[in-house]
């Protein structure tokens, strides 16, 4: 649909790490510039970040299913066990969304990876780069086929699918390519809230570690990075990705600066000041780095097939490690 000044838009993002919220924040900024009346919906750290970035906007609670990860490499098994809860979460989202539509009367719903946040009474689009998701290299191929079919069926119930990429199959590779035409998928460019904000100037950083993702893997990666950078020299900083409201700063015995949460301007400043960057191969983190013209050493979450695929496909390409 063509959005005009005053169009009412309900925007929500999945609360699984902060990546969905950070890229959604860039969409919200565009909507604001077009004069749309935006309402934020969500829960947890995801909604906290959106509220922090856009404090003037109305926000409402819309709880989402928050999956957990295994401490080991068998993430496909952990996710598989949660499938019933995932489907129940979608059903609950549909009911809660219907009530919000009754109250807010939006012209458009934009949902980042929340398959139940749609309503027949208004246009609804979904943001996702996963039309052909990776499950696990240890799973039979037919399992991946079933998951792809099920996700495409859910995506197809929306009025459109927005792929955050320079082109379909660009950064996201096979994850976004080869989907059926009836999904009405369109590439909308690389999304990053860091692109157009002014950075906080930082002195040179020799090593920057960026932590992201859901627990318990977020906490495990934080400890791994602090230990690793503690053996390096120069200024070393680890951003822990704990969410807005966790802005504490500490210095370890080995001299590593540990920042609980960095707002957009500070995060941008640290990324631009860093000579070496180590981070997860989460898709939103990759988009932030691309938007700023930076590259990094990508470390996939163990057993998380999508991140393993992205790290492998980008390795050695345009300076990625």
Protein backbone atom coordinates (compact mmCIF):
# COMPACT_ATOMS: atom_id res chain seq x y z
CA UNK A 1 0.00 0.00 0.00
CA UNK A 2 1.05 3.62 -0.45
CA UNK A 3 1.60 5.19 2.94
CA UNK A 4 0.64 8.82 3.27
CA UNK A 5 1.09 11.34 6.06
CA UNK A 6 -1.12 10.29 8.96
CA UNK A 7 -1.30 6.60 8.01
CA UNK A 8 -1.61 4.47 11.16
CA UNK A 9 1.03 1.74 11.35
CA UNK A 10 1.45 -0.94 14.01
CA UNK A 11 5.05 -2.21 14.18
CA UNK A 12 6.33 -5.22 16.12
CA UNK A 13 9.49 -7.32 16.32
CA UNK A 14 10.33 -10.75 17.66
CA UNK A 15 11.91 -10.73 21.12
CA UNK A 16 14.77 -13.14 20.39
CA UNK A 17 17.99 -11.25 20.99
CA UNK A 18 18.09 -7.62 19.87
CA UNK A 19 18.68 -8.06 16.13
CA UNK A 20 15.03 -8.02 15.09
CA UNK A 21 14.45 -4.85 17.10
CA UNK A 22 17.52 -3.02 15.77
CA UNK A 23 16.56 -3.53 12.12
CA UNK A 24 12.91 -2.77 12.88
CA UNK A 25 14.04 0.50 14.46
CA UNK A 26 15.37 1.56 11.05
CA UNK A 27 11.94 0.87 9.53
CA UNK A 28 10.25 2.92 12.25
CA UNK A 29 12.56 5.85 11.53
CA UNK A 30 11.56 5.77 7.85
CA UNK A 31 7.86 5.66 8.77
CA UNK A 32 8.29 8.68 11.07
CA UNK A 33 9.96 10.67 8.28
CA UNK A 34 6.93 9.91 6.08
CA UNK A 35 4.62 11.34 8.71
CA UNK A 36 3.00 8.06 9.72
CA UNK A 37 1.38 7.54 13.11
CA UNK A 38 3.41 4.63 14.45
CA UNK A 39 2.54 2.45 17.43
CA UNK A 40 5.18 0.06 18.75
CA UNK A 41 4.16 -3.35 20.04
CA UNK A 42 6.23 -6.09 21.62
CA UNK A 43 7.83 -7.36 24.79
CA UNK A 44 11.09 -7.85 26.64
CA UNK A 45 14.44 -6.42 25.56
CA UNK A 46 13.15 -5.98 22.02
CA UNK A 47 10.44 -3.51 23.04
CA UNK A 48 12.82 -1.80 25.48
CA UNK A 49 15.20 -1.02 22.62
CA UNK A 50 12.44 0.31 20.36
CA UNK A 51 11.14 2.50 23.19
CA UNK A 52 14.65 3.76 23.86
CA UNK A 53 15.17 4.66 20.18
CA UNK A 54 11.70 6.21 19.76
CA UNK A 55 10.56 7.47 23.19
CA UNK A 56 7.95 9.81 21.71
CA UNK A 57 5.92 6.95 20.19
CA UNK A 58 3.08 5.09 21.84
CA UNK A 59 3.91 1.50 22.74
CA UNK A 60 1.75 -1.41 23.80
CA UNK A 61 2.44 -4.86 25.21
CA UNK A 62 2.28 -7.71 22.72
CA UNK A 63 4.12 -10.69 24.26
CA UNK A 64 5.94 -12.97 21.86
CA UNK A 65 7.18 -16.52 22.09
CA UNK A 66 10.79 -16.36 23.27
CA UNK A 67 12.66 -19.56 22.40
CA UNK A 68 15.64 -20.71 24.39
CA UNK A 69 18.85 -22.24 23.10
CA UNK A 70 20.83 -25.22 24.27
CA UNK A 71 24.19 -24.71 25.98
CA UNK A 72 25.64 -27.17 23.46
CA UNK A 73 25.49 -27.65 19.71
CA UNK A 74 22.18 -29.50 19.40
CA UNK A 75 20.14 -26.35 18.78
CA UNK A 76 17.86 -28.11 16.29
CA UNK A 77 16.75 -30.49 19.04
CA UNK A 78 16.13 -27.62 21.48
CA UNK A 79 14.06 -25.74 18.89
CA UNK A 80 12.20 -28.90 17.87
CA UNK A 81 11.07 -29.51 21.45
CA UNK A 82 9.63 -25.99 21.52
CA UNK A 83 7.58 -26.37 18.31
CA UNK A 84 4.23 -26.85 20.13
CA UNK A 85 4.90 -23.72 22.22
CA UNK A 86 5.85 -21.84 19.03
CA UNK A 87 2.55 -22.76 17.34
CA UNK A 88 0.59 -21.92 20.48
CA UNK A 89 2.39 -18.56 20.57
CA UNK A 90 1.25 -17.81 17.01
CA UNK A 91 -2.36 -18.58 17.96
CA UNK A 92 -2.10 -16.24 20.96
CA UNK A 93 -0.55 -13.53 18.78
CA UNK A 94 -3.53 -13.70 16.43
CA UNK A 95 -5.96 -13.17 19.31
CA UNK A 96 -3.97 -10.30 20.83
CA UNK A 97 -3.50 -8.68 17.42
CA UNK A 98 -7.26 -8.78 16.80
CA UNK A 99 -7.82 -6.83 20.01
CA UNK A 100 -5.18 -4.27 19.08
CA UNK A 101 -6.75 -3.80 15.65
CA UNK A 102 -10.11 -3.19 17.34
CA UNK A 103 -8.49 -0.48 19.47
CA UNK A 104 -5.95 1.12 17.14
CA UNK A 105 -7.57 0.68 13.69
CA UNK A 106 -4.19 0.54 11.88
CA UNK A 107 -3.92 0.91 8.12
CA UNK A 108 -0.89 -1.39 8.10
CA UNK A 109 0.82 -3.95 10.33
CA UNK A 110 4.56 -4.52 9.94
CA UNK A 111 5.73 -7.65 11.72
CA UNK A 112 9.38 -8.68 11.99
CA UNK A 113 9.39 -12.50 12.17
CA UNK A 114 6.16 -12.68 14.19
CA UNK A 115 3.98 -14.99 12.14
CA UNK A 116 0.82 -14.44 14.15
CA UNK A 117 0.76 -10.65 14.08
CA UNK A 118 -1.56 -10.04 11.14
CA UNK A 119 -5.24 -9.30 10.65
CA UNK A 120 -7.60 -9.51 7.69
CA UNK A 121 -9.06 -6.09 8.41
CA UNK A 122 -5.88 -4.25 7.40
CA UNK A 123 -2.81 -4.80 5.25
CA UNK A 124 -0.17 -6.93 6.98
CA UNK A 125 3.43 -7.50 5.87
CA UNK A 126 6.21 -9.55 7.41
CA UNK A 127 9.92 -8.77 7.51
CA UNK A 128 12.11 -11.86 7.20
CA UNK A 129 15.18 -13.04 5.32
CA UNK A 130 14.43 -16.71 5.91
CA UNK A 131 12.37 -18.24 3.12
CA UNK A 132 14.56 -21.34 3.09
CA UNK A 133 15.76 -21.68 6.69
CA UNK A 134 18.63 -23.85 7.76
CA UNK A 135 17.74 -26.39 10.46
CA UNK A 136 20.87 -28.43 11.05
CA UNK A 137 23.49 -30.17 8.97
CA UNK A 138 22.79 -33.24 11.10
CA UNK A 139 19.07 -33.37 10.20
CA UNK A 140 17.67 -35.35 7.28
CA UNK A 141 17.01 -33.13 4.24
CA UNK A 142 13.29 -33.87 4.40
CA UNK A 143 13.08 -32.14 7.81
CA UNK A 144 14.41 -28.92 6.28
CA UNK A 145 11.90 -29.34 3.45
CA UNK A 146 9.00 -29.65 5.88
CA UNK A 147 10.14 -26.58 7.86
CA UNK A 148 10.51 -24.55 4.64
CA UNK A 149 7.04 -25.57 3.46
CA UNK A 150 5.48 -24.67 6.83
CA UNK A 151 7.18 -21.28 7.03
CA UNK A 152 6.24 -20.38 3.46
CA UNK A 153 2.61 -21.25 4.22
CA UNK A 154 2.67 -18.88 7.22
CA UNK A 155 4.47 -16.13 5.30
CA UNK A 156 1.99 -16.51 2.43
CA UNK A 157 -0.88 -15.48 4.73
CA UNK A 158 0.58 -11.97 4.85
CA UNK A 159 -0.06 -9.43 2.10
CA UNK A 160 3.65 -9.17 1.38
CA UNK A 161 7.09 -10.32 2.48
CA UNK A 162 9.86 -7.73 2.90
CA UNK A 163 13.40 -9.13 2.69
CA UNK A 164 16.04 -6.93 4.34
CA UNK A 165 18.77 -7.31 1.74
CA UNK A 166 20.34 -5.41 -1.14
CA UNK A 167 18.72 -7.99 -3.41
CA UNK A 168 17.10 -11.39 -2.95
CA UNK A 169 19.95 -13.80 -2.39
CA UNK A 170 22.49 -11.05 -1.70
CA UNK A 171 23.88 -11.03 1.85
CA UNK A 172 21.35 -13.66 2.88
CA UNK A 173 22.33 -16.03 0.06
CA UNK A 174 20.25 -19.18 -0.23
CA UNK A 175 18.23 -18.26 2.87
CA UNK A 176 16.10 -15.80 0.90
CA UNK A 177 16.34 -17.15 -2.66
CA UNK A 178 14.13 -19.66 -4.42
CA UNK A 179 10.89 -18.87 -2.62
CA UNK A 180 7.60 -19.32 -4.51
CA UNK A 181 6.25 -16.28 -6.37
CA UNK A 182 2.99 -16.27 -4.41
CA UNK A 183 4.92 -15.09 -1.33
CA UNK A 184 5.11 -11.63 -2.94
CA UNK A 185 8.67 -11.19 -1.64
CA UNK A 186 10.58 -7.96 -2.25
CA UNK A 187 14.09 -6.91 -1.24
CA UNK A 188 13.97 -3.59 0.62
CA UNK A 189 17.69 -2.96 1.07
CA UNK A 190 20.05 -3.42 4.00
CA UNK A 191 18.39 -2.26 7.22
CA UNK A 192 20.49 -0.58 9.90
CA UNK A 193 19.51 2.01 12.49
CA UNK A 194 23.20 3.02 12.66
CA UNK A 195 23.45 4.27 9.09
CA UNK A 196 22.03 7.77 9.51
CA UNK A 197 22.71 8.61 13.17
CA UNK A 198 25.64 10.71 14.42
CA UNK A 199 28.22 8.63 16.22
CA UNK A 200 29.83 9.40 19.56
CA UNK A 201 33.51 9.98 18.87
CA UNK A 202 35.74 7.29 20.40
CA UNK A 203 39.49 6.90 20.78
CA UNK A 204 40.99 4.04 18.78
CA UNK A 205 39.89 0.55 19.80
CA UNK A 206 42.27 -2.29 18.99
CA UNK A 207 39.72 -5.05 19.64
CA UNK A 208 35.93 -4.75 19.81
CA UNK A 209 33.74 -7.68 20.79
CA UNK A 210 29.98 -7.46 20.15
CA UNK A 211 27.74 -9.92 21.98
CA UNK A 212 24.22 -10.71 20.79
CA UNK A 213 21.54 -13.39 20.75
CA UNK A 214 19.35 -15.18 23.30
CA UNK A 215 20.41 -16.87 26.50
CA UNK A 216 22.24 -18.93 27.55
CA UNK A 217 24.48 -18.54 24.50
CA UNK A 218 24.67 -14.74 24.89
CA UNK A 219 26.17 -15.08 28.37
CA UNK A 220 28.55 -17.85 27.23
CA UNK A 221 29.83 -15.75 24.31
CA UNK A 222 30.29 -12.73 26.59
CA UNK A 223 32.56 -14.71 28.90
CA UNK A 224 34.43 -16.21 25.94
CA UNK A 225 35.13 -12.78 24.42
CA UNK A 226 36.23 -11.22 27.72
CA UNK A 227 38.66 -14.09 28.24
CA UNK A 228 40.00 -13.93 24.69
CA UNK A 229 40.43 -10.16 24.52
CA UNK A 230 42.05 -10.22 27.94
CA UNK A 231 45.06 -11.81 26.24
CA UNK A 232 45.32 -9.09 23.59
CA UNK A 233 46.95 -5.67 23.77
CA UNK A 234 45.71 -2.14 23.22
CA UNK A 235 42.27 -0.82 24.06
CA UNK A 236 39.80 -3.68 24.21
CA UNK A 237 36.02 -3.31 24.55
CA UNK A 238 33.22 -5.85 24.86
CA UNK A 239 29.61 -4.73 24.31
CA UNK A 240 27.41 -7.27 26.08
CA UNK A 241 24.05 -6.64 24.39
CA UNK A 242 22.04 -6.86 27.61
CA UNK A 243 19.46 -4.36 26.43
CA UNK A 244 18.48 -0.78 27.23
CA UNK A 245 18.69 0.03 30.93
CA UNK A 246 21.89 -2.00 31.39
CA UNK A 247 24.35 0.79 30.64
CA UNK A 248 26.89 -0.20 33.28
CA UNK A 249 30.59 -0.01 32.40
CA UNK A 250 33.29 -2.04 34.15
CA UNK A 251 36.94 -2.87 33.57
CA UNK A 252 38.27 -6.38 34.16
CA UNK A 253 41.60 -7.17 35.81
CA UNK A 254 43.06 -7.75 32.35
CA UNK A 255 41.97 -4.26 31.24
CA UNK A 256 38.96 -5.14 29.07
CA UNK A 257 36.21 -2.49 29.11
CA UNK A 258 32.86 -4.26 29.54
CA UNK A 259 29.78 -2.28 28.50
CA UNK A 260 26.39 -3.74 29.38
CA UNK A 261 24.55 -1.90 26.61
CA UNK A 262 25.62 0.69 24.04
CA UNK A 263 23.02 3.01 22.52
CA UNK A 264 23.05 3.63 18.78
CA UNK A 265 25.47 6.61 18.70
CA UNK A 266 27.96 4.92 21.03
CA UNK A 267 27.77 1.58 19.24
CA UNK A 268 28.39 3.29 15.91
CA UNK A 269 31.33 5.21 17.32
CA UNK A 270 32.95 2.07 18.72
CA UNK A 271 32.48 0.14 15.47
CA UNK A 272 34.06 2.95 13.44
CA UNK A 273 36.94 3.28 15.93
CA UNK A 274 37.76 -0.46 16.05
CA UNK A 275 40.66 -1.98 14.13
CA UNK A 276 39.47 -5.55 14.81
CA UNK A 277 35.88 -6.65 15.42
CA UNK A 278 34.65 -10.04 16.66
CA UNK A 279 30.93 -10.77 16.75
CA UNK A 280 28.21 -13.33 16.16
CA UNK A 281 27.15 -13.97 12.58
CA UNK A 282 23.61 -12.80 13.30
CA UNK A 283 22.01 -11.29 10.22
CA UNK A 284 21.17 -7.93 11.79
CA UNK A 285 24.73 -7.53 13.10
CA UNK A 286 26.05 -8.27 9.61
CA UNK A 287 23.73 -5.60 8.14
CA UNK A 288 24.94 -3.00 10.67
CA UNK A 289 28.56 -3.70 9.71
CA UNK A 290 27.79 -3.56 5.98
CA UNK A 291 25.95 -0.25 6.40
CA UNK A 292 29.04 1.22 8.09
CA UNK A 293 31.49 -0.25 5.59
CA UNK A 294 33.13 -2.49 8.18
CA UNK A 295 33.99 -6.19 8.27
CA UNK A 296 34.52 -8.55 11.19
CA UNK A 297 35.50 -11.97 12.38
CA UNK A 298 32.19 -13.85 12.49
CA UNK A 299 31.64 -16.49 15.18
CA UNK A 300 28.47 -18.53 14.72
CA UNK A 301 26.41 -19.61 17.70
CA UNK A 302 27.26 -23.33 18.07
CA UNK A 303 24.63 -25.46 16.37
CA UNK A 304 22.61 -22.49 15.08
CA UNK A 305 22.47 -23.48 11.44
CA UNK A 306 21.52 -20.07 10.02
CA UNK A 307 24.52 -18.36 11.64
CA UNK A 308 26.82 -21.20 10.61
CA UNK A 309 25.66 -20.81 7.03
CA UNK A 310 26.10 -17.02 7.03
CA UNK A 311 29.57 -17.23 8.56
CA UNK A 312 30.69 -19.83 6.03
CA UNK A 313 29.15 -18.08 3.01
CA UNK A 314 30.72 -14.70 3.87
CA UNK A 315 34.13 -15.97 4.98
CA UNK A 316 36.88 -14.66 2.73
CA UNK A 317 34.44 -12.40 0.86
CA UNK A 318 35.15 -8.64 0.86
CA UNK A 319 37.28 -8.79 4.01
CA UNK A 320 35.07 -11.02 6.18
CA UNK A 321 36.84 -13.52 8.43
